[in-house]
Amino acid sequence: MDLTYKTKKLQCMCEDPNYNKELIKKYGSEVAKKLPKRIKELKAFDSLNDIPITLPFRRHKLTGDREGQFAINITNQYRLIFRQEENNIIIEDLRDIKKIEIMEVSKHYE
């Protein structure tokens, strides 16, 4: 899958090992260890449909003010929130979503 990011800083924190200290400071060592791995795994999937709905990923649709967005687990507390890149065109078949935009790393229920 192709990934884009909401901000350049978010991309650096997810993909650039030079940002590891900042990642640890902001989210803790467990997230700093697992987040880059999750990003590599997302890139390896062919489409959104290929991301498992079971643990450890637990892909799921979000609701409310996050309608149209999805999340996967990074740890028990933190998740990675993303949406299909072409958000103005709603694609119902997850097999057709091959580009996603990473929106944020968030703590569950914050």
PDB file of N, CA and C in Angstrom:
ATOM      1  N   MET A   1       0.840  -1.173   0.000  1.00  0.00           N
ATOM      2  CA  MET A   1       0.000   0.000   0.000  1.00  0.00           C
ATOM      3  C   MET A   1       0.892   1.244   0.000  1.00  0.00           C
ATOM      4  N   ASP A   2       0.396   2.304  -0.593  1.00  0.00           N
ATOM      5  CA  ASP A   2       1.109   3.583  -0.586  1.00  0.00           C
ATOM      6  C   ASP A   2       0.622   4.404   0.602  1.00  0.00           C
ATOM      7  N   LEU A   3       1.563   5.043   1.303  1.00  0.00           N
ATOM      8  CA  LEU A   3       1.232   5.856   2.460  1.00  0.00           C
ATOM      9  C   LEU A   3       1.635   7.299   2.227  1.00  0.00           C
ATOM     10  N   THR A   4       0.760   8.204   2.649  1.00  0.00           N
ATOM     11  CA  THR A   4       1.090   9.619   2.744  1.00  0.00           C
ATOM     12  C   THR A   4       0.814  10.021   4.180  1.00  0.00           C
ATOM     13  N   TYR A   5       1.201  11.222   4.537  1.00  0.00           N
ATOM     14  CA  TYR A   5       1.060  11.671   5.918  1.00  0.00           C
ATOM     15  C   TYR A   5       0.423  13.044   5.974  1.00  0.00           C
ATOM     16  N   LYS A   6      -0.317  13.287   7.028  1.00  0.00           N
ATOM     17  CA  LYS A   6      -0.972  14.582   7.225  1.00  0.00           C
ATOM     18  C   LYS A   6       0.075  15.687   7.343  1.00  0.00           C
ATOM     19  N   THR A   7       1.196  15.397   8.021  1.00  0.00           N
ATOM     20  CA  THR A   7       2.260  16.391   8.157  1.00  0.00           C
ATOM     21  C   THR A   7       3.616  15.735   7.901  1.00  0.00           C
ATOM     22  N   LYS A   8       4.574  16.547   7.555  1.00  0.00           N
ATOM     23  CA  LYS A   8       5.946  16.081   7.339  1.00  0.00           C
ATOM     24  C   LYS A   8       6.538  15.578   8.659  1.00  0.00           C
ATOM     25  N   LYS A   9       6.241  16.260   9.767  1.00  0.00           N
ATOM     26  CA  LYS A   9       6.757  15.843  11.063  1.00  0.00           C
ATOM     27  C   LYS A   9       6.256  14.444  11.427  1.00  0.00           C
ATOM     28  N   LEU A  10       4.969  14.187  11.165  1.00  0.00           N
ATOM     29  CA  LEU A  10       4.414  12.862  11.434  1.00  0.00           C
ATOM     30  C   LEU A  10       5.127  11.806  10.595  1.00  0.00           C
ATOM     31  N   GLN A  11       5.399  12.120   9.348  1.00  0.00           N
ATOM     32  CA  GLN A  11       6.123  11.184   8.489  1.00  0.00           C
ATOM     33  C   GLN A  11       7.509  10.898   9.053  1.00  0.00           C
ATOM     34  N   CYS A  12       8.197  11.922   9.488  1.00  0.00           N
ATOM     35  CA  CYS A  12       9.538  11.733  10.054  1.00  0.00           C
ATOM     36  C   CYS A  12       9.477  10.877  11.314  1.00  0.00           C
ATOM     37  N   MET A  13       8.507  11.122  12.166  1.00  0.00           N
ATOM     38  CA  MET A  13       8.399  10.350  13.400  1.00  0.00           C
ATOM     39  C   MET A  13       8.088   8.879  13.109  1.00  0.00           C
ATOM     40  N   CYS A  14       7.350   8.625  12.045  1.00  0.00           N
ATOM     41  CA  CYS A  14       6.989   7.247  11.690  1.00  0.00           C
ATOM     42  C   CYS A  14       8.081   6.507  10.937  1.00  0.00           C
ATOM     43  N   GLU A  15       8.883   7.228  10.165  1.00  0.00           N
ATOM     44  CA  GLU A  15       9.800   6.558   9.245  1.00  0.00           C
ATOM     45  C   GLU A  15      11.285   6.853   9.444  1.00  0.00           C
ATOM     46  N   ASP A  16      11.625   7.943  10.108  1.00  0.00           N
ATOM     47  CA  ASP A  16      13.026   8.350  10.212  1.00  0.00           C
ATOM     48  C   ASP A  16      13.607   7.955  11.571  1.00  0.00           C
ATOM     49  N   PRO A  17      14.571   7.040  11.593  1.00  0.00           N
ATOM     50  CA  PRO A  17      15.173   6.616  12.869  1.00  0.00           C
ATOM     51  C   PRO A  17      15.794   7.764  13.664  1.00  0.00           C
ATOM     52  N   ASN A  18      16.142   8.863  12.990  1.00  0.00           N
ATOM     53  CA  ASN A  18      16.715  10.015  13.691  1.00  0.00           C
ATOM     54  C   ASN A  18      15.712  10.685  14.633  1.00  0.00           C
ATOM     55  N   TYR A  19      14.444  10.383  14.471  1.00  0.00           N
ATOM     56  CA  TYR A  19      13.401  10.959  15.319  1.00  0.00           C
ATOM     57  C   TYR A  19      13.036  10.043  16.485  1.00  0.00           C
ATOM     58  N   ASN A  20      13.807   8.986  16.704  1.00  0.00           N
ATOM     59  CA  ASN A  20      13.483   8.009  17.737  1.00  0.00           C
ATOM     60  C   ASN A  20      13.402   8.627  19.134  1.00  0.00           C
ATOM     61  N   LYS A  21      14.333   9.515  19.478  1.00  0.00           N
ATOM     62  CA  LYS A  21      14.302  10.151  20.801  1.00  0.00           C
ATOM     63  C   LYS A  21      13.031  10.966  20.992  1.00  0.00           C
ATOM     64  N   GLU A  22      12.642  11.686  19.959  1.00  0.00           N
ATOM     65  CA  GLU A  22      11.413  12.488  20.035  1.00  0.00           C
ATOM     66  C   GLU A  22      10.186  11.585  20.145  1.00  0.00           C
ATOM     67  N   LEU A  23      10.207  10.486  19.430  1.00  0.00           N
ATOM     68  CA  LEU A  23       9.118   9.511  19.484  1.00  0.00           C
ATOM     69  C   LEU A  23       8.998   8.920  20.893  1.00  0.00           C
ATOM     70  N   ILE A  24      10.117   8.568  21.493  1.00  0.00           N
ATOM     71  CA  ILE A  24      10.116   8.038  22.861  1.00  0.00           C
ATOM     72  C   ILE A  24       9.587   9.079  23.834  1.00  0.00           C
ATOM     73  N   LYS A  25      10.046  10.316  23.685  1.00  0.00           N
ATOM     74  CA  LYS A  25       9.624  11.389  24.589  1.00  0.00           C
ATOM     75  C   LYS A  25       8.118  11.631  24.503  1.00  0.00           C
ATOM     76  N   LYS A  26       7.572  11.581  23.298  1.00  0.00           N
ATOM     77  CA  LYS A  26       6.151  11.891  23.103  1.00  0.00           C
ATOM     78  C   LYS A  26       5.227  10.715  23.426  1.00  0.00           C
ATOM     79  N   TYR A  27       5.632   9.493  23.060  1.00  0.00           N
ATOM     80  CA  TYR A  27       4.727   8.344  23.179  1.00  0.00           C
ATOM     81  C   TYR A  27       5.242   7.196  24.043  1.00  0.00           C
ATOM     82  N   GLY A  28       6.497   7.223  24.420  1.00  0.00           N
ATOM     83  CA  GLY A  28       7.058   6.133  25.209  1.00  0.00           C
ATOM     84  C   GLY A  28       7.837   5.152  24.358  1.00  0.00           C
ATOM     85  N   SER A  29       8.649   4.336  25.022  1.00  0.00           N
ATOM     86  CA  SER A  29       9.555   3.435  24.305  1.00  0.00           C
ATOM     87  C   SER A  29       8.827   2.309  23.565  1.00  0.00           C
ATOM     88  N   GLU A  30       7.706   1.832  24.104  1.00  0.00           N
ATOM     89  CA  GLU A  30       6.979   0.744  23.435  1.00  0.00           C
ATOM     90  C   GLU A  30       6.438   1.198  22.080  1.00  0.00           C
ATOM     91  N   VAL A  31       5.836   2.401  22.030  1.00  0.00           N
ATOM     92  CA  VAL A  31       5.327   2.943  20.768  1.00  0.00           C
ATOM     93  C   VAL A  31       6.494   3.221  19.819  1.00  0.00           C
ATOM     94  N   ALA A  32       7.588   3.765  20.346  1.00  0.00           N
ATOM     95  CA  ALA A  32       8.759   4.067  19.507  1.00  0.00           C
ATOM     96  C   ALA A  32       9.314   2.806  18.855  1.00  0.00           C
ATOM     97  N   LYS A  33       9.190   1.699  19.533  1.00  0.00           N
ATOM     98  CA  LYS A  33       9.661   0.424  18.986  1.00  0.00           C
ATOM     99  C   LYS A  33       8.681  -0.153  17.963  1.00  0.00           C
ATOM    100  N   LYS A  34       7.385  -0.059  18.248  1.00  0.00           N
ATOM    101  CA  LYS A  34       6.374  -0.716  17.411  1.00  0.00           C
ATOM    102  C   LYS A  34       5.874   0.114  16.229  1.00  0.00           C
ATOM    103  N   LEU A  35       5.858   1.435  16.339  1.00  0.00           N
ATOM    104  CA  LEU A  35       5.302   2.273  15.275  1.00  0.00           C
ATOM    105  C   LEU A  35       6.033   2.097  13.936  1.00  0.00           C
ATOM    106  N   PRO A  36       7.368   2.201  13.894  1.00  0.00           N
ATOM    107  CA  PRO A  36       8.042   1.988  12.598  1.00  0.00           C
ATOM    108  C   PRO A  36       7.768   0.599  12.005  1.00  0.00           C
ATOM    109  N   LYS A  37       7.638  -0.390  12.865  1.00  0.00           N
ATOM    110  CA  LYS A  37       7.317  -1.741  12.398  1.00  0.00           C
ATOM    111  C   LYS A  37       5.919  -1.766  11.765  1.00  0.00           C
ATOM    112  N   ARG A  38       4.943  -1.107  12.402  1.00  0.00           N
ATOM    113  CA  ARG A  38       3.578  -1.056  11.848  1.00  0.00           C
ATOM    114  C   ARG A  38       3.567  -0.363  10.487  1.00  0.00           C
ATOM    115  N   ILE A  39       4.341   0.694  10.361  1.00  0.00           N
ATOM    116  CA  ILE A  39       4.409   1.415   9.085  1.00  0.00           C
ATOM    117  C   ILE A  39       4.947   0.493   7.990  1.00  0.00           C
ATOM    118  N   LYS A  40       6.005  -0.233   8.277  1.00  0.00           N
ATOM    119  CA  LYS A  40       6.560  -1.179   7.292  1.00  0.00           C
ATOM    120  C   LYS A  40       5.529  -2.246   6.935  1.00  0.00           C
ATOM    121  N   GLU A  41       4.793  -2.724   7.935  1.00  0.00           N
ATOM    122  CA  GLU A  41       3.769  -3.743   7.681  1.00  0.00           C
ATOM    123  C   GLU A  41       2.648  -3.179   6.818  1.00  0.00           C
ATOM    124  N   LEU A  42       2.227  -1.957   7.079  1.00  0.00           N
ATOM    125  CA  LEU A  42       1.176  -1.342   6.260  1.00  0.00           C
ATOM    126  C   LEU A  42       1.623  -1.230   4.806  1.00  0.00           C
ATOM    127  N   LYS A  43       2.856  -0.828   4.599  1.00  0.00           N
ATOM    128  CA  LYS A  43       3.381  -0.702   3.230  1.00  0.00           C
ATOM    129  C   LYS A  43       3.405  -2.045   2.504  1.00  0.00           C
ATOM    130  N   ALA A  44       3.555  -3.127   3.253  1.00  0.00           N
ATOM    131  CA  ALA A  44       3.632  -4.461   2.650  1.00  0.00           C
ATOM    132  C   ALA A  44       2.265  -4.991   2.210  1.00  0.00           C
ATOM    133  N   PHE A  45       1.186  -4.473   2.797  1.00  0.00           N
ATOM    134  CA  PHE A  45      -0.151  -4.925   2.403  1.00  0.00           C
ATOM    135  C   PHE A  45      -0.500  -4.356   1.031  1.00  0.00           C
ATOM    136  N   ASP A  46      -1.287  -5.118   0.276  1.00  0.00           N
ATOM    137  CA  ASP A  46      -1.712  -4.679  -1.055  1.00  0.00           C
ATOM    138  C   ASP A  46      -2.852  -3.666  -0.977  1.00  0.00           C
ATOM    139  N   SER A  47      -3.782  -3.876  -0.045  1.00  0.00           N
ATOM    140  CA  SER A  47      -4.939  -2.986   0.068  1.00  0.00           C
ATOM    141  C   SER A  47      -5.399  -2.915   1.521  1.00  0.00           C
ATOM    142  N   LEU A  48      -6.315  -2.009   1.792  1.00  0.00           N
ATOM    143  CA  LEU A  48      -6.862  -1.855   3.141  1.00  0.00           C
ATOM    144  C   LEU A  48      -7.546  -3.134   3.605  1.00  0.00           C
ATOM    145  N   ASN A  49      -8.119  -3.856   2.688  1.00  0.00           N
ATOM    146  CA  ASN A  49      -8.802  -5.107   3.018  1.00  0.00           C
ATOM    147  C   ASN A  49      -7.844  -6.156   3.588  1.00  0.00           C
ATOM    148  N   ASP A  50      -6.572  -6.081   3.245  1.00  0.00           N
ATOM    149  CA  ASP A  50      -5.586  -7.069   3.695  1.00  0.00           C
ATOM    150  C   ASP A  50      -5.143  -6.877   5.150  1.00  0.00           C
ATOM    151  N   ILE A  51      -5.410  -5.714   5.723  1.00  0.00           N
ATOM    152  CA  ILE A  51      -5.025  -5.459   7.111  1.00  0.00           C
ATOM    153  C   ILE A  51      -5.977  -6.245   8.008  1.00  0.00           C
ATOM    154  N   PRO A  52      -5.453  -7.123   8.857  1.00  0.00           N
ATOM    155  CA  PRO A  52      -6.319  -7.974   9.690  1.00  0.00           C
ATOM    156  C   PRO A  52      -7.206  -7.186  10.658  1.00  0.00           C
ATOM    157  N   ILE A  53      -8.408  -7.704  10.878  1.00  0.00           N
ATOM    158  CA  ILE A  53      -9.311  -7.106  11.860  1.00  0.00           C
ATOM    159  C   ILE A  53      -9.071  -7.705  13.248  1.00  0.00           C
ATOM    160  N   THR A  54      -8.178  -8.675  13.297  1.00  0.00           N
ATOM    161  CA  THR A  54      -7.841  -9.328  14.563  1.00  0.00           C
ATOM    162  C   THR A  54      -6.540  -8.726  15.121  1.00  0.00           C
ATOM    163  N   LEU A  55      -6.278  -9.019  16.377  1.00  0.00           N
ATOM    164  CA  LEU A  55      -5.036  -8.551  16.995  1.00  0.00           C
ATOM    165  C   LEU A  55      -3.839  -9.187  16.296  1.00  0.00           C
ATOM    166  N   PRO A  56      -2.733  -8.549  16.177  1.00  0.00           N
ATOM    167  CA  PRO A  56      -2.359  -7.310  16.835  1.00  0.00           C
ATOM    168  C   PRO A  56      -2.794  -6.047  16.093  1.00  0.00           C
ATOM    169  N   PHE A  57      -3.255  -6.137  14.843  1.00  0.00           N
ATOM    170  CA  PHE A  57      -3.644  -4.941  14.088  1.00  0.00           C
ATOM    171  C   PHE A  57      -4.993  -4.382  14.520  1.00  0.00           C
ATOM    172  N   ARG A  58      -6.001  -5.213  14.502  1.00  0.00           N
ATOM    173  CA  ARG A  58      -7.376  -4.836  14.847  1.00  0.00           C
ATOM    174  C   ARG A  58      -7.860  -3.623  14.039  1.00  0.00           C
ATOM    175  N   ARG A  59      -7.812  -3.771  12.708  1.00  0.00           N
ATOM    176  CA  ARG A  59      -8.314  -2.705  11.840  1.00  0.00           C
ATOM    177  C   ARG A  59      -9.802  -2.497  12.095  1.00  0.00           C
ATOM    178  N   HIS A  60     -10.217  -1.249  12.269  1.00  0.00           N
ATOM    179  CA  HIS A  60     -11.628  -0.967  12.478  1.00  0.00           C
ATOM    180  C   HIS A  60     -11.964   0.441  12.006  1.00  0.00           C
ATOM    181  N   LYS A  61     -13.233   0.596  11.582  1.00  0.00           N
ATOM    182  CA  LYS A  61     -13.746   1.898  11.164  1.00  0.00           C
ATOM    183  C   LYS A  61     -14.044   2.726  12.393  1.00  0.00           C
ATOM    184  N   LEU A  62     -13.829   4.014  12.264  1.00  0.00           N
ATOM    185  CA  LEU A  62     -14.161   4.921  13.352  1.00  0.00           C
ATOM    186  C   LEU A  62     -15.489   5.604  13.051  1.00  0.00           C
ATOM    187  N   THR A  63     -16.127   6.116  14.080  1.00  0.00           N
ATOM    188  CA  THR A  63     -17.450   6.732  13.928  1.00  0.00           C
ATOM    189  C   THR A  63     -17.444   8.146  14.517  1.00  0.00           C
ATOM    190  N   GLY A  64     -18.603   8.763  14.488  1.00  0.00           N
ATOM    191  CA  GLY A  64     -18.742  10.101  15.063  1.00  0.00           C
ATOM    192  C   GLY A  64     -17.972  11.132  14.255  1.00  0.00           C
ATOM    193  N   ASP A  65     -17.203  11.969  14.944  1.00  0.00           N
ATOM    194  CA  ASP A  65     -16.443  13.008  14.239  1.00  0.00           C
ATOM    195  C   ASP A  65     -15.240  12.443  13.480  1.00  0.00           C
ATOM    196  N   ARG A  66     -15.026  11.156  13.583  1.00  0.00           N
ATOM    197  CA  ARG A  66     -13.953  10.481  12.834  1.00  0.00           C
ATOM    198  C   ARG A  66     -14.518   9.582  11.725  1.00  0.00           C
ATOM    199  N   GLU A  67     -15.746   9.826  11.345  1.00  0.00           N
ATOM    200  CA  GLU A  67     -16.391   9.089  10.247  1.00  0.00           C
ATOM    201  C   GLU A  67     -15.493   9.136   9.010  1.00  0.00           C
ATOM    202  N   GLY A  68     -15.313   7.987   8.364  1.00  0.00           N
ATOM    203  CA  GLY A  68     -14.468   7.908   7.175  1.00  0.00           C
ATOM    204  C   GLY A  68     -13.013   7.594   7.489  1.00  0.00           C
ATOM    205  N   GLN A  69     -12.708   7.467   8.766  1.00  0.00           N
ATOM    206  CA  GLN A  69     -11.342   7.137   9.173  1.00  0.00           C
ATOM    207  C   GLN A  69     -11.301   5.728   9.748  1.00  0.00           C
ATOM    208  N   PHE A  70     -10.103   5.173   9.782  1.00  0.00           N
ATOM    209  CA  PHE A  70      -9.857   3.839  10.320  1.00  0.00           C
ATOM    210  C   PHE A  70      -8.760   3.930  11.357  1.00  0.00           C
ATOM    211  N   ALA A  71      -8.624   2.862  12.141  1.00  0.00           N
ATOM    212  CA  ALA A  71      -7.532   2.793  13.112  1.00  0.00           C
ATOM    213  C   ALA A  71      -7.005   1.368  13.177  1.00  0.00           C
ATOM    214  N   ILE A  72      -5.728   1.273  13.531  1.00  0.00           N
ATOM    215  CA  ILE A  72      -5.133  -0.018  13.886  1.00  0.00           C
ATOM    216  C   ILE A  72      -4.376   0.183  15.196  1.00  0.00           C
ATOM    217  N   ASN A  73      -4.204  -0.890  15.924  1.00  0.00           N
ATOM    218  CA  ASN A  73      -3.475  -0.829  17.184  1.00  0.00           C
ATOM    219  C   ASN A  73      -1.981  -0.716  16.936  1.00  0.00           C
ATOM    220  N   ILE A  74      -1.337   0.079  17.780  1.00  0.00           N
ATOM    221  CA  ILE A  74       0.124   0.078  17.864  1.00  0.00           C
ATOM    222  C   ILE A  74       0.483  -0.691  19.140  1.00  0.00           C
ATOM    223  N   THR A  75      -0.142  -0.290  20.241  1.00  0.00           N
ATOM    224  CA  THR A  75      -0.025  -0.976  21.533  1.00  0.00           C
ATOM    225  C   THR A  75      -1.447  -1.083  22.087  1.00  0.00           C
ATOM    226  N   ASN A  76      -1.570  -1.542  23.323  1.00  0.00           N
ATOM    227  CA  ASN A  76      -2.903  -1.589  23.939  1.00  0.00           C
ATOM    228  C   ASN A  76      -3.503  -0.204  24.123  1.00  0.00           C
ATOM    229  N   GLN A  77      -2.664   0.810  24.312  1.00  0.00           N
ATOM    230  CA  GLN A  77      -3.159   2.161  24.547  1.00  0.00           C
ATOM    231  C   GLN A  77      -3.150   3.051  23.311  1.00  0.00           C
ATOM    232  N   TYR A  78      -2.204   2.861  22.420  1.00  0.00           N
ATOM    233  CA  TYR A  78      -2.054   3.756  21.279  1.00  0.00           C
ATOM    234  C   TYR A  78      -2.506   3.113  19.979  1.00  0.00           C
ATOM    235  N   ARG A  79      -3.007   3.977  19.094  1.00  0.00           N
ATOM    236  CA  ARG A  79      -3.464   3.519  17.785  1.00  0.00           C
ATOM    237  C   ARG A  79      -3.004   4.481  16.708  1.00  0.00           C
ATOM    238  N   LEU A  80      -2.977   3.986  15.488  1.00  0.00           N
ATOM    239  CA  LEU A  80      -2.624   4.774  14.318  1.00  0.00           C
ATOM    240  C   LEU A  80      -3.923   5.042  13.562  1.00  0.00           C
ATOM    241  N   ILE A  81      -4.222   6.310  13.341  1.00  0.00           N
ATOM    242  CA  ILE A  81      -5.465   6.689  12.663  1.00  0.00           C
ATOM    243  C   ILE A  81      -5.132   7.119  11.240  1.00  0.00           C
ATOM    244  N   PHE A  82      -5.930   6.621  10.284  1.00  0.00           N
ATOM    245  CA  PHE A  82      -5.700   6.931   8.879  1.00  0.00           C
ATOM    246  C   PHE A  82      -7.021   6.944   8.121  1.00  0.00           C
ATOM    247  N   ARG A  83      -6.956   7.398   6.884  1.00  0.00           N
ATOM    248  CA  ARG A  83      -8.120   7.404   5.991  1.00  0.00           C
ATOM    249  C   ARG A  83      -7.645   7.104   4.583  1.00  0.00           C
ATOM    250  N   GLN A  84      -8.581   6.784   3.722  1.00  0.00           N
ATOM    251  CA  GLN A  84      -8.185   6.587   2.326  1.00  0.00           C
ATOM    252  C   GLN A  84      -7.673   7.920   1.801  1.00  0.00           C
ATOM    253  N   GLU A  85      -6.658   7.862   0.963  1.00  0.00           N
ATOM    254  CA  GLU A  85      -6.016   9.095   0.498  1.00  0.00           C
ATOM    255  C   GLU A  85      -6.982   9.982  -0.284  1.00  0.00           C
ATOM    256  N   GLU A  86      -7.733   9.413  -1.172  1.00  0.00           N
ATOM    257  CA  GLU A  86      -8.711  10.173  -1.943  1.00  0.00           C
ATOM    258  C   GLU A  86     -10.006  10.238  -1.149  1.00  0.00           C
ATOM    259  N   ASN A  87     -10.033  11.071  -0.131  1.00  0.00           N
ATOM    260  CA  ASN A  87     -11.146  11.091   0.811  1.00  0.00           C
ATOM    261  C   ASN A  87     -12.426  11.702   0.228  1.00  0.00           C
ATOM    262  N   ASN A  88     -12.319  12.431  -0.882  1.00  0.00           N
ATOM    263  CA  ASN A  88     -13.523  13.021  -1.477  1.00  0.00           C
ATOM    264  C   ASN A  88     -14.304  12.019  -2.325  1.00  0.00           C
ATOM    265  N   ILE A  89     -13.716  10.855  -2.582  1.00  0.00           N
ATOM    266  CA  ILE A  89     -14.397   9.783  -3.304  1.00  0.00           C
ATOM    267  C   ILE A  89     -14.530   8.606  -2.335  1.00  0.00           C
ATOM    268  N   ILE A  90     -15.761   8.279  -1.979  1.00  0.00           N
ATOM    269  CA  ILE A  90     -15.975   7.185  -1.033  1.00  0.00           C
ATOM    270  C   ILE A  90     -15.891   5.860  -1.780  1.00  0.00           C
ATOM    271  N   ILE A  91     -14.979   5.001  -1.356  1.00  0.00           N
ATOM    272  CA  ILE A  91     -14.803   3.681  -1.945  1.00  0.00           C
ATOM    273  C   ILE A  91     -15.296   2.665  -0.926  1.00  0.00           C
ATOM    274  N   GLU A  92     -16.299   1.910  -1.285  1.00  0.00           N
ATOM    275  CA  GLU A  92     -16.892   0.941  -0.358  1.00  0.00           C
ATOM    276  C   GLU A  92     -16.085  -0.357  -0.257  1.00  0.00           C
ATOM    277  N   ASP A  93     -15.509  -0.791  -1.362  1.00  0.00           N
ATOM    278  CA  ASP A  93     -14.768  -2.049  -1.369  1.00  0.00           C
ATOM    279  C   ASP A  93     -13.341  -1.787  -0.885  1.00  0.00           C
ATOM    280  N   LEU A  94     -13.013  -2.297   0.297  1.00  0.00           N
ATOM    281  CA  LEU A  94     -11.701  -2.050   0.885  1.00  0.00           C
ATOM    282  C   LEU A  94     -10.560  -2.605   0.043  1.00  0.00           C
ATOM    283  N   ARG A  95     -10.866  -3.549  -0.841  1.00  0.00           N
ATOM    284  CA  ARG A  95      -9.830  -4.081  -1.739  1.00  0.00           C
ATOM    285  C   ARG A  95      -9.367  -3.031  -2.739  1.00  0.00           C
ATOM    286  N   ASP A  96     -10.197  -2.013  -2.977  1.00  0.00           N
ATOM    287  CA  ASP A  96      -9.853  -0.963  -3.930  1.00  0.00           C
ATOM    288  C   ASP A  96      -9.081   0.194  -3.297  1.00  0.00           C
ATOM    289  N   ILE A  97      -8.928   0.180  -1.979  1.00  0.00           N
ATOM    290  CA  ILE A  97      -8.194   1.250  -1.299  1.00  0.00           C
ATOM    291  C   ILE A  97      -6.743   0.813  -1.154  1.00  0.00           C
ATOM    292  N   LYS A  98      -5.893   1.433  -1.969  1.00  0.00           N
ATOM    293  CA  LYS A  98      -4.480   1.058  -1.998  1.00  0.00           C
ATOM    294  C   LYS A  98      -3.577   2.212  -1.584  1.00  0.00           C
ATOM    295  N   LYS A  99      -4.180   3.354  -1.270  1.00  0.00           N
ATOM    296  CA  LYS A  99      -3.438   4.529  -0.814  1.00  0.00           C
ATOM    297  C   LYS A  99      -4.138   5.075   0.422  1.00  0.00           C
ATOM    298  N   ILE A 100      -3.362   5.245   1.503  1.00  0.00           N
ATOM    299  CA  ILE A 100      -3.951   5.797   2.726  1.00  0.00           C
ATOM    300  C   ILE A 100      -3.123   6.975   3.215  1.00  0.00           C
ATOM    301  N   GLU A 101      -3.783   7.860   3.945  1.00  0.00           N
ATOM    302  CA  GLU A 101      -3.121   9.005   4.558  1.00  0.00           C
ATOM    303  C   GLU A 101      -3.103   8.791   6.063  1.00  0.00           C
ATOM    304  N   ILE A 102      -1.916   8.771   6.647  1.00  0.00           N
ATOM    305  CA  ILE A 102      -1.769   8.636   8.093  1.00  0.00           C
ATOM    306  C   ILE A 102      -2.114   9.988   8.705  1.00  0.00           C
ATOM    307  N   MET A 103      -3.102   9.995   9.607  1.00  0.00           N
ATOM    308  CA  MET A 103      -3.586  11.232  10.200  1.00  0.00           C
ATOM    309  C   MET A 103      -2.899  11.555  11.528  1.00  0.00           C
ATOM    310  N   GLU A 104      -2.781  10.542  12.398  1.00  0.00           N
ATOM    311  CA  GLU A 104      -2.184  10.796  13.707  1.00  0.00           C
ATOM    312  C   GLU A 104      -1.949   9.504  14.485  1.00  0.00           C
ATOM    313  N   VAL A 105      -1.143   9.627  15.511  1.00  0.00           N
ATOM    314  CA  VAL A 105      -0.981   8.587  16.534  1.00  0.00           C
ATOM    315  C   VAL A 105      -1.768   9.118  17.717  1.00  0.00           C
ATOM    316  N   SER A 106      -2.683   8.302  18.240  1.00  0.00           N
ATOM    317  CA  SER A 106      -3.498   8.792  19.355  1.00  0.00           C
ATOM    318  C   SER A 106      -3.651   7.739  20.422  1.00  0.00           C
ATOM    319  N   LYS A 107      -3.922   8.227  21.611  1.00  0.00           N
ATOM    320  CA  LYS A 107      -4.199   7.349  22.732  1.00  0.00           C
ATOM    321  C   LYS A 107      -5.679   7.031  22.669  1.00  0.00           C
ATOM    322  N   HIS A 108      -6.042   5.761  22.853  1.00  0.00           N
ATOM    323  CA  HIS A 108      -7.451   5.369  22.801  1.00  0.00           C
ATOM    324  C   HIS A 108      -8.283   6.231  23.732  1.00  0.00           C
ATOM    325  N   TYR A 109      -9.405   6.685  23.243  1.00  0.00           N
ATOM    326  CA  TYR A 109     -10.426   7.398  24.024  1.00  0.00           C
ATOM    327  C   TYR A 109      -9.937   8.713  24.605  1.00  0.00           C
ATOM    328  N   GLU A 110      -9.002   9.363  23.942  1.00  0.00           N
ATOM    329  CA  GLU A 110      -8.612  10.709  24.370  1.00  0.00           C
ATOM    330  C   GLU A 110      -9.132  11.715  23.403  1.00  0.00           C
TER     331      GLU A 110
END
